[in-house]
C-alpha atoms as a PDB file:
ATOM      1  CA  UNK A   1     -67.136   1.151 -21.431  1.00  0.00           C
ATOM      2  CA  UNK A   2     -66.595   4.894 -21.765  1.00  0.00           C
ATOM      3  CA  UNK A   3     -63.877   5.999 -24.190  1.00  0.00           C
ATOM      4  CA  UNK A   4     -61.253   8.710 -24.053  1.00  0.00           C
ATOM      5  CA  UNK A   5     -58.714   9.997 -26.572  1.00  0.00           C
ATOM      6  CA  UNK A   6     -54.975  10.207 -25.956  1.00  0.00           C
ATOM      7  CA  UNK A   7     -53.142  12.669 -28.172  1.00  0.00           C
ATOM      8  CA  UNK A   8     -54.938  13.440 -31.388  1.00  0.00           C
ATOM      9  CA  UNK A   9     -56.506  10.110 -32.266  1.00  0.00           C
ATOM     10  CA  UNK A  10     -55.659   7.195 -29.955  1.00  0.00           C
ATOM     11  CA  UNK A  11     -59.113   6.249 -28.648  1.00  0.00           C
ATOM     12  CA  UNK A  12     -59.080   3.836 -25.713  1.00  0.00           C
ATOM     13  CA  UNK A  13     -61.265   2.737 -22.831  1.00  0.00           C
ATOM     14  CA  UNK A  14     -61.429   5.348 -20.053  1.00  0.00           C
ATOM     15  CA  UNK A  15     -59.499   3.009 -17.755  1.00  0.00           C
ATOM     16  CA  UNK A  16     -56.519   0.801 -18.522  1.00  0.00           C
ATOM     17  CA  UNK A  17     -55.391  -2.447 -16.924  1.00  0.00           C
ATOM     18  CA  UNK A  18     -51.710  -2.818 -16.101  1.00  0.00           C
ATOM     19  CA  UNK A  19     -50.274  -6.320 -16.078  1.00  0.00           C
ATOM     20  CA  UNK A  20     -46.988  -5.561 -14.287  1.00  0.00           C
ATOM     21  CA  UNK A  21     -47.974  -7.291 -11.069  1.00  0.00           C
ATOM     22  CA  UNK A  22     -48.572 -10.730 -12.514  1.00  0.00           C
ATOM     23  CA  UNK A  23     -47.288 -13.225 -15.041  1.00  0.00           C
ATOM     24  CA  UNK A  24     -43.732 -12.096 -14.305  1.00  0.00           C
ATOM     25  CA  UNK A  25     -42.365 -15.594 -13.836  1.00  0.00           C
ATOM     26  CA  UNK A  26     -43.096 -18.761 -15.742  1.00  0.00           C
ATOM     27  CA  UNK A  27     -43.557 -20.684 -12.501  1.00  0.00           C
ATOM     28  CA  UNK A  28     -46.159 -18.244 -11.109  1.00  0.00           C
ATOM     29  CA  UNK A  29     -49.048 -20.355  -9.902  1.00  0.00           C
ATOM     30  CA  UNK A  30     -51.873 -18.050 -10.963  1.00  0.00           C
ATOM     31  CA  UNK A  31     -50.691 -17.375 -14.523  1.00  0.00           C
ATOM     32  CA  UNK A  32     -53.794 -19.045 -15.976  1.00  0.00           C
ATOM     33  CA  UNK A  33     -56.006 -16.971 -13.709  1.00  0.00           C
ATOM     34  CA  UNK A  34     -54.310 -13.795 -14.888  1.00  0.00           C
ATOM     35  CA  UNK A  35     -54.845 -14.729 -18.528  1.00  0.00           C
ATOM     36  CA  UNK A  36     -58.502 -15.316 -17.714  1.00  0.00           C
ATOM     37  CA  UNK A  37     -58.725 -11.920 -15.996  1.00  0.00           C
ATOM     38  CA  UNK A  38     -57.284 -10.122 -19.027  1.00  0.00           C
ATOM     39  CA  UNK A  39     -59.780 -11.804 -21.320  1.00  0.00           C
ATOM     40  CA  UNK A  40     -62.639 -11.068 -18.933  1.00  0.00           C
ATOM     41  CA  UNK A  41     -61.599  -7.399 -18.912  1.00  0.00           C
ATOM     42  CA  UNK A  42     -62.047  -7.339 -22.696  1.00  0.00           C
ATOM     43  CA  UNK A  43     -65.502  -8.899 -22.301  1.00  0.00           C
ATOM     44  CA  UNK A  44     -66.339  -6.070 -19.861  1.00  0.00           C
ATOM     45  CA  UNK A  45     -65.416  -3.482 -22.503  1.00  0.00           C
ATOM     46  CA  UNK A  46     -61.841  -2.600 -21.593  1.00  0.00           C
ATOM     47  CA  UNK A  47     -59.542  -2.360 -24.600  1.00  0.00           C
ATOM     48  CA  UNK A  48     -56.341  -0.759 -23.254  1.00  0.00           C
ATOM     49  CA  UNK A  49     -53.641  -2.938 -21.649  1.00  0.00           C
ATOM     50  CA  UNK A  50     -50.155  -2.170 -20.396  1.00  0.00           C
ATOM     51  CA  UNK A  51     -46.957  -4.201 -20.102  1.00  0.00           C
ATOM     52  CA  UNK A  52     -43.180  -3.795 -20.661  1.00  0.00           C
ATOM     53  CA  UNK A  53     -40.215  -5.843 -21.774  1.00  0.00           C
ATOM     54  CA  UNK A  54     -38.520  -5.427 -18.389  1.00  0.00           C
ATOM     55  CA  UNK A  55     -41.423  -6.981 -16.473  1.00  0.00           C
ATOM     56  CA  UNK A  56     -39.937 -10.385 -15.868  1.00  0.00           C
ATOM     57  CA  UNK A  57     -38.003  -9.523 -17.993  1.00  0.00           C
ATOM     58  CA  UNK A  58     -39.988 -10.770 -20.955  1.00  0.00           C
ATOM     59  CA  UNK A  59     -42.388 -13.141 -19.150  1.00  0.00           C
ATOM     60  CA  UNK A  60     -45.074 -10.506 -18.670  1.00  0.00           C
ATOM     61  CA  UNK A  61     -45.175  -9.651 -22.369  1.00  0.00           C
ATOM     62  CA  UNK A  62     -45.360 -13.366 -23.147  1.00  0.00           C
ATOM     63  CA  UNK A  63     -48.376 -13.765 -20.878  1.00  0.00           C
ATOM     64  CA  UNK A  64     -50.128 -10.677 -22.257  1.00  0.00           C
ATOM     65  CA  UNK A  65     -49.445 -11.900 -25.775  1.00  0.00           C
ATOM     66  CA  UNK A  66     -50.954 -15.299 -25.042  1.00  0.00           C
ATOM     67  CA  UNK A  67     -53.977 -13.766 -23.329  1.00  0.00           C
ATOM     68  CA  UNK A  68     -54.811 -11.206 -25.979  1.00  0.00           C
ATOM     69  CA  UNK A  69     -53.804 -12.970 -29.208  1.00  0.00           C
ATOM     70  CA  UNK A  70     -57.357 -14.268 -29.842  1.00  0.00           C
ATOM     71  CA  UNK A  71     -58.722 -10.772 -29.144  1.00  0.00           C
ATOM     72  CA  UNK A  72     -56.028  -8.714 -30.832  1.00  0.00           C
ATOM     73  CA  UNK A  73     -58.343  -6.738 -33.110  1.00  0.00           C
ATOM     74  CA  UNK A  74     -60.391  -5.603 -30.115  1.00  0.00           C
ATOM     75  CA  UNK A  75     -57.576  -4.186 -27.986  1.00  0.00           C
ATOM     76  CA  UNK A  76     -54.784  -1.609 -27.789  1.00  0.00           C
ATOM     77  CA  UNK A  77     -51.540  -2.883 -26.274  1.00  0.00           C
ATOM     78  CA  UNK A  78     -48.953  -0.580 -24.733  1.00  0.00           C
ATOM     79  CA  UNK A  79     -45.445  -1.743 -23.943  1.00  0.00           C
ATOM     80  CA  UNK A  80     -42.141  -0.090 -23.105  1.00  0.00           C
ATOM     81  CA  UNK A  81     -38.455  -0.072 -23.991  1.00  0.00           C
ATOM     82  CA  UNK A  82     -35.600   1.722 -22.330  1.00  0.00           C
ATOM     83  CA  UNK A  83     -33.777  -0.629 -19.987  1.00  0.00           C
ATOM     84  CA  UNK A  84     -30.547  -2.451 -20.723  1.00  0.00           C
ATOM     85  CA  UNK A  85     -32.016  -5.924 -21.128  1.00  0.00           C
ATOM     86  CA  UNK A  86     -30.031  -8.541 -23.034  1.00  0.00           C
ATOM     87  CA  UNK A  87     -32.310  -9.623 -25.909  1.00  0.00           C
ATOM     88  CA  UNK A  88     -31.010 -13.190 -25.781  1.00  0.00           C
ATOM     89  CA  UNK A  89     -30.814 -13.938 -22.063  1.00  0.00           C
ATOM     90  CA  UNK A  90     -33.353 -11.508 -20.628  1.00  0.00           C
ATOM     91  CA  UNK A  91     -30.811 -10.394 -18.052  1.00  0.00           C
ATOM     92  CA  UNK A  92     -31.130  -6.721 -17.084  1.00  0.00           C
ATOM     93  CA  UNK A  93     -28.179  -4.626 -15.975  1.00  0.00           C
ATOM     94  CA  UNK A  94     -30.518  -2.270 -14.150  1.00  0.00           C
ATOM     95  CA  UNK A  95     -29.341   0.622 -16.303  1.00  0.00           C
ATOM     96  CA  UNK A  96     -31.305   2.584 -18.892  1.00  0.00           C
ATOM     97  CA  UNK A  97     -30.557   2.132 -22.582  1.00  0.00           C
ATOM     98  CA  UNK A  98     -32.338   3.993 -25.376  1.00  0.00           C
ATOM     99  CA  UNK A  99     -29.684   3.772 -28.055  1.00  0.00           C
ATOM    100  CA  UNK A 100     -31.530   3.518 -31.388  1.00  0.00           C
ATOM    101  CA  UNK A 101     -30.171   0.074 -32.263  1.00  0.00           C
ATOM    102  CA  UNK A 102     -31.140  -1.221 -28.839  1.00  0.00           C
ATOM    103  CA  UNK A 103     -34.628   0.241 -29.221  1.00  0.00           C
ATOM    104  CA  UNK A 104     -35.051  -1.602 -32.504  1.00  0.00           C
ATOM    105  CA  UNK A 105     -33.950  -4.895 -30.960  1.00  0.00           C
ATOM    106  CA  UNK A 106     -36.290  -4.346 -28.017  1.00  0.00           C
ATOM    107  CA  UNK A 107     -39.252  -3.715 -30.320  1.00  0.00           C
ATOM    108  CA  UNK A 108     -38.569  -6.830 -32.382  1.00  0.00           C
ATOM    109  CA  UNK A 109     -38.528  -8.878 -29.180  1.00  0.00           C
ATOM    110  CA  UNK A 110     -41.727  -7.282 -27.908  1.00  0.00           C
ATOM    111  CA  UNK A 111     -43.545  -7.946 -31.182  1.00  0.00           C
ATOM    112  CA  UNK A 112     -42.602 -11.612 -30.998  1.00  0.00           C
ATOM    113  CA  UNK A 113     -43.583 -12.036 -27.356  1.00  0.00           C
ATOM    114  CA  UNK A 114     -46.849 -10.127 -27.796  1.00  0.00           C
ATOM    115  CA  UNK A 115     -47.705 -12.285 -30.850  1.00  0.00           C
ATOM    116  CA  UNK A 116     -48.546  -9.263 -32.954  1.00  0.00           C
ATOM    117  CA  UNK A 117     -47.291  -7.350 -35.974  1.00  0.00           C
ATOM    118  CA  UNK A 118     -47.606  -3.937 -34.334  1.00  0.00           C
ATOM    119  CA  UNK A 119     -47.450  -2.220 -30.955  1.00  0.00           C
ATOM    120  CA  UNK A 120     -50.261   0.272 -30.445  1.00  0.00           C
ATOM    121  CA  UNK A 121     -48.485   2.535 -27.964  1.00  0.00           C
ATOM    122  CA  UNK A 122     -44.723   2.328 -27.439  1.00  0.00           C
ATOM    123  CA  UNK A 123     -43.329   4.123 -24.400  1.00  0.00           C
ATOM    124  CA  UNK A 124     -39.777   5.012 -23.541  1.00  0.00           C
ATOM    125  CA  UNK A 125     -39.793   3.581 -20.005  1.00  0.00           C
ATOM    126  CA  UNK A 126     -37.332   6.083 -18.545  1.00  0.00           C
ATOM    127  CA  UNK A 127     -35.374   8.933 -20.110  1.00  0.00           C
ATOM    128  CA  UNK A 128     -31.801   7.972 -21.029  1.00  0.00           C
ATOM    129  CA  UNK A 129     -29.565  10.965 -20.229  1.00  0.00           C
ATOM    130  CA  UNK A 130     -26.866   9.586 -22.549  1.00  0.00           C
ATOM    131  CA  UNK A 131     -29.044   9.513 -25.671  1.00  0.00           C
ATOM    132  CA  UNK A 132     -30.513  12.729 -27.117  1.00  0.00           C
ATOM    133  CA  UNK A 133     -34.283  12.675 -26.979  1.00  0.00           C
ATOM    134  CA  UNK A 134     -34.322  13.638 -30.655  1.00  0.00           C
ATOM    135  CA  UNK A 135     -32.569  10.341 -31.468  1.00  0.00           C
ATOM    136  CA  UNK A 136     -35.074   8.340 -29.415  1.00  0.00           C
ATOM    137  CA  UNK A 137     -38.057  10.043 -31.025  1.00  0.00           C
ATOM    138  CA  UNK A 138     -36.385   9.645 -34.404  1.00  0.00           C
ATOM    139  CA  UNK A 139     -36.085   5.862 -34.207  1.00  0.00           C
ATOM    140  CA  UNK A 140     -39.692   5.580 -32.975  1.00  0.00           C
ATOM    141  CA  UNK A 141     -40.751   7.779 -35.902  1.00  0.00           C
ATOM    142  CA  UNK A 142     -39.052   5.280 -38.236  1.00  0.00           C
ATOM    143  CA  UNK A 143     -40.770   2.355 -36.517  1.00  0.00           C
ATOM    144  CA  UNK A 144     -44.128   4.091 -36.969  1.00  0.00           C
ATOM    145  CA  UNK A 145     -43.382   4.623 -40.651  1.00  0.00           C
ATOM    146  CA  UNK A 146     -42.571   0.913 -40.932  1.00  0.00           C
ATOM    147  CA  UNK A 147     -45.926  -0.021 -39.383  1.00  0.00           C
ATOM    148  CA  UNK A 148     -44.400  -1.727 -36.347  1.00  0.00           C
ATOM    149  CA  UNK A 149     -45.633   0.949 -33.947  1.00  0.00           C
ATOM    150  CA  UNK A 150     -48.781   3.088 -34.052  1.00  0.00           C
ATOM    151  CA  UNK A 151     -48.234   5.759 -31.369  1.00  0.00           C
ATOM    152  CA  UNK A 152     -45.327   7.096 -29.298  1.00  0.00           C
ATOM    153  CA  UNK A 153     -45.325   7.585 -25.535  1.00  0.00           C
ATOM    154  CA  UNK A 154     -42.988   8.614 -22.724  1.00  0.00           C
ATOM    155  CA  UNK A 155     -42.891   7.530 -19.094  1.00  0.00           C
ATOM    156  CA  UNK A 156     -41.877   9.700 -16.119  1.00  0.00           C
ATOM    157  CA  UNK A 157     -40.291  12.265 -18.471  1.00  0.00           C
ATOM    158  CA  UNK A 158     -39.858  15.923 -17.570  1.00  0.00           C
ATOM    159  CA  UNK A 159     -41.361  18.837 -19.495  1.00  0.00           C
ATOM    160  CA  UNK A 160     -38.177  19.557 -21.457  1.00  0.00           C
ATOM    161  CA  UNK A 161     -37.864  15.951 -22.649  1.00  0.00           C
ATOM    162  CA  UNK A 162     -41.541  15.902 -23.590  1.00  0.00           C
ATOM    163  CA  UNK A 163     -41.149  19.024 -25.724  1.00  0.00           C
ATOM    164  CA  UNK A 164     -37.989  17.763 -27.442  1.00  0.00           C
ATOM    165  CA  UNK A 165     -39.554  14.394 -28.271  1.00  0.00           C
ATOM    166  CA  UNK A 166     -42.834  15.912 -29.432  1.00  0.00           C
ATOM    167  CA  UNK A 167     -41.004  18.213 -31.865  1.00  0.00           C
ATOM    168  CA  UNK A 168     -39.639  15.161 -33.708  1.00  0.00           C
ATOM    169  CA  UNK A 169     -42.513  12.674 -33.368  1.00  0.00           C
ATOM    170  CA  UNK A 170     -45.862  13.647 -31.832  1.00  0.00           C
ATOM    171  CA  UNK A 171     -46.255  12.094 -28.407  1.00  0.00           C
ATOM    172  CA  UNK A 172     -49.681  10.562 -27.787  1.00  0.00           C
ATOM    173  CA  UNK A 173     -49.340   9.941 -24.070  1.00  0.00           C
ATOM    174  CA  UNK A 174     -47.192  10.369 -21.007  1.00  0.00           C
ATOM    175  CA  UNK A 175     -47.301   7.694 -18.335  1.00  0.00           C
ATOM    176  CA  UNK A 176     -46.400   9.040 -14.895  1.00  0.00           C
ATOM    177  CA  UNK A 177     -47.499   8.638 -11.324  1.00  0.00           C
ATOM    178  CA  UNK A 178     -50.397  10.938 -10.517  1.00  0.00           C
ATOM    179  CA  UNK A 179     -53.050  10.529  -7.870  1.00  0.00           C
ATOM    180  CA  UNK A 180     -54.538  12.184  -4.819  1.00  0.00           C
ATOM    181  CA  UNK A 181     -51.317  11.503  -2.957  1.00  0.00           C
ATOM    182  CA  UNK A 182     -48.933  12.310  -5.815  1.00  0.00           C
ATOM    183  CA  UNK A 183     -49.995  15.672  -7.224  1.00  0.00           C
ATOM    184  CA  UNK A 184     -46.606  17.035  -8.277  1.00  0.00           C
ATOM    185  CA  UNK A 185     -47.419  16.714 -12.020  1.00  0.00           C
ATOM    186  CA  UNK A 186     -49.968  19.529 -11.633  1.00  0.00           C
ATOM    187  CA  UNK A 187     -47.194  22.115 -11.357  1.00  0.00           C
ATOM    188  CA  UNK A 188     -45.565  21.707 -14.776  1.00  0.00           C
ATOM    189  CA  UNK A 189     -46.365  18.394 -16.444  1.00  0.00           C
ATOM    190  CA  UNK A 190     -50.157  18.674 -16.728  1.00  0.00           C
ATOM    191  CA  UNK A 191     -50.008  22.211 -18.220  1.00  0.00           C
ATOM    192  CA  UNK A 192     -47.347  21.055 -20.709  1.00  0.00           C
ATOM    193  CA  UNK A 193     -49.464  18.111 -21.805  1.00  0.00           C
ATOM    194  CA  UNK A 194     -52.532  20.317 -22.187  1.00  0.00           C
ATOM    195  CA  UNK A 195     -50.591  22.820 -24.301  1.00  0.00           C
ATOM    196  CA  UNK A 196     -49.210  20.130 -26.604  1.00  0.00           C
ATOM    197  CA  UNK A 197     -52.336  17.978 -26.824  1.00  0.00           C
ATOM    198  CA  UNK A 198     -50.795  14.941 -25.139  1.00  0.00           C
ATOM    199  CA  UNK A 199     -52.771  12.486 -23.003  1.00  0.00           C
ATOM    200  CA  UNK A 200     -51.844  11.357 -19.498  1.00  0.00           C
ATOM    201  CA  UNK A 201     -51.929   7.748 -18.287  1.00  0.00           C
ATOM    202  CA  UNK A 202     -51.412   7.911 -14.526  1.00  0.00           C
ATOM    203  CA  UNK A 203     -49.982   4.774 -12.977  1.00  0.00           C
ATOM    204  CA  UNK A 204     -50.481   3.908  -9.297  1.00  0.00           C
ATOM    205  CA  UNK A 205     -53.761   5.876  -9.280  1.00  0.00           C
ATOM    206  CA  UNK A 206     -54.603   4.180  -5.981  1.00  0.00           C
ATOM    207  CA  UNK A 207     -51.296   5.025  -4.333  1.00  0.00           C
ATOM    208  CA  UNK A 208     -49.977   1.461  -4.543  1.00  0.00           C
ATOM    209  CA  UNK A 209     -53.047   0.348  -2.631  1.00  0.00           C
ATOM    210  CA  UNK A 210     -53.064   2.987   0.091  1.00  0.00           C
ATOM    211  CA  UNK A 211     -56.047   4.871  -1.337  1.00  0.00           C
ATOM    212  CA  UNK A 212     -58.198   1.745  -1.091  1.00  0.00           C
ATOM    213  CA  UNK A 213     -58.324   2.469   2.646  1.00  0.00           C
ATOM    214  CA  UNK A 214     -57.295  -1.082   3.466  1.00  0.00           C
ATOM    215  CA  UNK A 215     -53.715  -0.263   4.526  1.00  0.00           C
ATOM    216  CA  UNK A 216     -52.935   1.137   7.955  1.00  0.00           C
ATOM    217  CA  UNK A 217     -50.001   1.250  10.352  1.00  0.00           C
ATOM    218  CA  UNK A 218     -50.507  -2.410  11.318  1.00  0.00           C
ATOM    219  CA  UNK A 219     -50.426  -3.765   7.752  1.00  0.00           C
ATOM    220  CA  UNK A 220     -47.512  -6.134   7.160  1.00  0.00           C
ATOM    221  CA  UNK A 221     -46.123  -6.527   3.639  1.00  0.00           C
ATOM    222  CA  UNK A 222     -44.454  -9.617   2.239  1.00  0.00           C
ATOM    223  CA  UNK A 223     -40.648  -9.483   2.334  1.00  0.00           C
ATOM    224  CA  UNK A 224     -40.534  -9.170  -1.460  1.00  0.00           C
ATOM    225  CA  UNK A 225     -43.014  -6.257  -1.536  1.00  0.00           C
ATOM    226  CA  UNK A 226     -41.413  -3.070  -2.892  1.00  0.00           C
ATOM    227  CA  UNK A 227     -43.492  -0.985  -0.485  1.00  0.00           C
ATOM    228  CA  UNK A 228     -41.147  -2.040   2.312  1.00  0.00           C
ATOM    229  CA  UNK A 229     -38.568   0.303   0.777  1.00  0.00           C
ATOM    230  CA  UNK A 230     -40.832   3.254  -0.025  1.00  0.00           C
ATOM    231  CA  UNK A 231     -40.635   6.095   2.529  1.00  0.00           C
ATOM    232  CA  UNK A 232     -44.339   6.847   2.118  1.00  0.00           C
ATOM    233  CA  UNK A 233     -45.127   3.403   3.524  1.00  0.00           C
ATOM    234  CA  UNK A 234     -43.045   3.763   6.662  1.00  0.00           C
ATOM    235  CA  UNK A 235     -45.329   3.236   9.695  1.00  0.00           C
ATOM    236  CA  UNK A 236     -45.202   6.867  10.815  1.00  0.00           C
ATOM    237  CA  UNK A 237     -46.013   8.071   7.277  1.00  0.00           C
ATOM    238  CA  UNK A 238     -48.909   5.645   6.958  1.00  0.00           C
ATOM    239  CA  UNK A 239     -50.339   6.911  10.220  1.00  0.00           C
ATOM    240  CA  UNK A 240     -50.092  10.558   9.124  1.00  0.00           C
ATOM    241  CA  UNK A 241     -51.479   9.839   5.655  1.00  0.00           C
ATOM    242  CA  UNK A 242     -54.656   8.288   7.048  1.00  0.00           C
ATOM    243  CA  UNK A 243     -56.030  11.842   7.075  1.00  0.00           C
ATOM    244  CA  UNK A 244     -56.501  11.531   3.324  1.00  0.00           C
ATOM    245  CA  UNK A 245     -58.350   8.234   3.741  1.00  0.00           C
ATOM    246  CA  UNK A 246     -60.662   9.820   6.293  1.00  0.00           C
ATOM    247  CA  UNK A 247     -61.558  12.544   3.789  1.00  0.00           C
ATOM    248  CA  UNK A 248     -62.112  10.062   0.951  1.00  0.00           C
ATOM    249  CA  UNK A 249     -64.256   7.892   3.206  1.00  0.00           C
ATOM    250  CA  UNK A 250     -66.567  10.820   3.911  1.00  0.00           C
ATOM    251  CA  UNK A 251     -67.004  11.536   0.204  1.00  0.00           C
ATOM    252  CA  UNK A 252     -67.329   7.836  -0.629  1.00  0.00           C
ATOM    253  CA  UNK A 253     -70.177   7.431   1.841  1.00  0.00           C
ATOM    254  CA  UNK A 254     -71.944  10.377   0.205  1.00  0.00           C
ATOM    255  CA  UNK A 255     -71.818   8.570  -3.177  1.00  0.00           C
ATOM    256  CA  UNK A 256     -72.365   5.007  -1.898  1.00  0.00           C
ATOM    257  CA  UNK A 257     -68.906   4.260  -3.284  1.00  0.00           C
ATOM    258  CA  UNK A 258     -65.553   2.991  -2.043  1.00  0.00           C
ATOM    259  CA  UNK A 259     -62.497   5.138  -1.386  1.00  0.00           C
ATOM    260  CA  UNK A 260     -60.797   3.497  -4.373  1.00  0.00           C
ATOM    261  CA  UNK A 261     -63.678   4.502  -6.623  1.00  0.00           C
ATOM    262  CA  UNK A 262     -63.547   8.086  -5.360  1.00  0.00           C
ATOM    263  CA  UNK A 263     -59.783   8.229  -5.962  1.00  0.00           C
ATOM    264  CA  UNK A 264     -60.233   7.046  -9.554  1.00  0.00           C
ATOM    265  CA  UNK A 265     -63.253   9.295 -10.109  1.00  0.00           C
ATOM    266  CA  UNK A 266     -61.173  12.250  -8.907  1.00  0.00           C
ATOM    267  CA  UNK A 267     -58.538  11.513 -11.558  1.00  0.00           C
ATOM    268  CA  UNK A 268     -61.155  11.107 -14.272  1.00  0.00           C
ATOM    269  CA  UNK A 269     -62.636  14.470 -13.291  1.00  0.00           C
ATOM    270  CA  UNK A 270     -59.351  16.352 -13.677  1.00  0.00           C
ATOM    271  CA  UNK A 271     -59.049  16.280 -17.483  1.00  0.00           C
ATOM    272  CA  UNK A 272     -60.931  14.487 -20.287  1.00  0.00           C
ATOM    273  CA  UNK A 273     -57.601  13.216 -21.646  1.00  0.00           C
ATOM    274  CA  UNK A 274     -56.569  11.343 -18.487  1.00  0.00           C
ATOM    275  CA  UNK A 275     -56.831   7.534 -18.570  1.00  0.00           C
ATOM    276  CA  UNK A 276     -55.940   5.982 -15.188  1.00  0.00           C
ATOM    277  CA  UNK A 277     -53.908   2.777 -15.290  1.00  0.00           C
ATOM    278  CA  UNK A 278     -54.580   0.369 -12.440  1.00  0.00           C
ATOM    279  CA  UNK A 279     -53.360  -3.122 -11.676  1.00  0.00           C
ATOM    280  CA  UNK A 280     -55.191  -5.920  -9.914  1.00  0.00           C
ATOM    281  CA  UNK A 281     -54.998  -9.686  -9.615  1.00  0.00           C
ATOM    282  CA  UNK A 282     -58.650 -10.141  -8.628  1.00  0.00           C
ATOM    283  CA  UNK A 283     -61.833  -9.878 -10.678  1.00  0.00           C
ATOM    284  CA  UNK A 284     -63.754  -8.306  -7.795  1.00  0.00           C
ATOM    285  CA  UNK A 285     -61.192  -5.505  -7.557  1.00  0.00           C
ATOM    286  CA  UNK A 286     -61.371  -5.038 -11.324  1.00  0.00           C
ATOM    287  CA  UNK A 287     -65.147  -4.680 -11.102  1.00  0.00           C
ATOM    288  CA  UNK A 288     -64.817  -2.238  -8.195  1.00  0.00           C
ATOM    289  CA  UNK A 289     -62.353  -0.045 -10.055  1.00  0.00           C
ATOM    290  CA  UNK A 290     -64.406  -0.002 -13.234  1.00  0.00           C
ATOM    291  CA  UNK A 291     -67.340   1.063 -11.065  1.00  0.00           C
ATOM    292  CA  UNK A 292     -65.547   4.401 -10.606  1.00  0.00           C
ATOM    293  CA  UNK A 293     -66.841   5.355 -14.055  1.00  0.00           C
ATOM    294  CA  UNK A 294     -70.297   5.636 -12.505  1.00  0.00           C
ATOM    295  CA  UNK A 295     -69.157   7.922  -9.686  1.00  0.00           C
ATOM    296  CA  UNK A 296     -69.743  11.568 -10.563  1.00  0.00           C
ATOM    297  CA  UNK A 297     -67.973  13.854  -8.139  1.00  0.00           C
ATOM    298  CA  UNK A 298     -69.640  17.238  -7.826  1.00  0.00           C
ATOM    299  CA  UNK A 299     -67.888  20.583  -7.975  1.00  0.00           C
ATOM    300  CA  UNK A 300     -68.435  20.738  -4.219  1.00  0.00           C
ATOM    301  CA  UNK A 301     -66.736  17.358  -3.733  1.00  0.00           C
ATOM    302  CA  UNK A 302     -63.721  18.444  -5.751  1.00  0.00           C
ATOM    303  CA  UNK A 303     -63.520  21.769  -3.927  1.00  0.00           C
ATOM    304  CA  UNK A 304     -63.698  19.980  -0.581  1.00  0.00           C
ATOM    305  CA  UNK A 305     -60.731  17.800  -1.508  1.00  0.00           C
ATOM    306  CA  UNK A 306     -58.662  20.785  -2.605  1.00  0.00           C
ATOM    307  CA  UNK A 307     -59.634  22.886   0.398  1.00  0.00           C
ATOM    308  CA  UNK A 308     -58.490  20.144   2.783  1.00  0.00           C
ATOM    309  CA  UNK A 309     -54.951  20.672   1.461  1.00  0.00           C
ATOM    310  CA  UNK A 310     -53.756  17.459   3.091  1.00  0.00           C
ATOM    311  CA  UNK A 311     -49.977  17.168   3.129  1.00  0.00           C
ATOM    312  CA  UNK A 312     -48.708  13.728   2.184  1.00  0.00           C
ATOM    313  CA  UNK A 313     -45.866  12.421   4.345  1.00  0.00           C
ATOM    314  CA  UNK A 314     -42.926  10.494   2.901  1.00  0.00           C
ATOM    315  CA  UNK A 315     -41.299  10.417  -0.532  1.00  0.00           C
ATOM    316  CA  UNK A 316     -42.974   8.310  -3.201  1.00  0.00           C
ATOM    317  CA  UNK A 317     -39.740   6.445  -3.981  1.00  0.00           C
ATOM    318  CA  UNK A 318     -36.282   6.035  -2.437  1.00  0.00           C
ATOM    319  CA  UNK A 319     -33.751   8.690  -3.482  1.00  0.00           C
ATOM    320  CA  UNK A 320     -31.951   6.373  -5.912  1.00  0.00           C
ATOM    321  CA  UNK A 321     -35.159   5.649  -7.816  1.00  0.00           C
ATOM    322  CA  UNK A 322     -36.117   9.316  -7.982  1.00  0.00           C
ATOM    323  CA  UNK A 323     -32.906  10.077  -9.907  1.00  0.00           C
ATOM    324  CA  UNK A 324     -34.571   8.467 -12.948  1.00  0.00           C
ATOM    325  CA  UNK A 325     -37.727  10.554 -12.752  1.00  0.00           C
ATOM    326  CA  UNK A 326     -38.481  13.829 -14.508  1.00  0.00           C
ATOM    327  CA  UNK A 327     -35.385  14.169 -16.695  1.00  0.00           C
END
């Protein structure tokens, strides 16, 4: 699989697989299937995997650790700290917590659950407004010096936080939402990352499934599906946002590709230091997404997308969630 470099020296596969959507509960029926999928992804050449302590909490890291332990030398594992999760009970208060002592406890727990002696890429999951970014970067710098962490990352941080963290401990990557229907990072974040030499790992590169073209106004989500609470997935927004799918379908047909592959290929074409992070529970979807690496969008394709200037309807998260983004 093609490789890309995040920061100065973190070389990873050009696509990353996120495990958030599965293995989050011990009783989940397809846990064994998900472990098999992770191992199959390694066989296909992927070496960059993403999890977090709060997924579960804890159960996702445990599953990723079990899946990748036999293959540890072949892979890079990213995980995240930053939520107020009790290290003993796994109960989360729902609040952020990046106090240095809490970060250390979180990392020790992650190392144990991931069955490893080091974390390749450690992200702060969300900025903690009560803890100076210099203190957060400082404790990660210590963990790197101790060999427990290799590289430092941030998630959904604003440009000011990125600069403050990077001044203390070089940041290898920022993980934030970026896709054809979430292009806000282009205004300030992408230029900041380019200036500082920091990679970007966009999550939800397929717009939480919308850019696959398989979701329309009639699609019904399970009661537990978070998309029920996202303004962008309200029926009227879905109907308006189909204009983007129509455009992607035209380009996809030109390349004998799917809309999902075009959406991923578009991201890959933006910068050589962008590594899209997708999640899937099915091998066929994994194979489809990896197929985006063979889709080469032309300058004309890219210009056509920009010229369409399609306005996306609906916020990407509810107001309460957005308060934790871009600090």
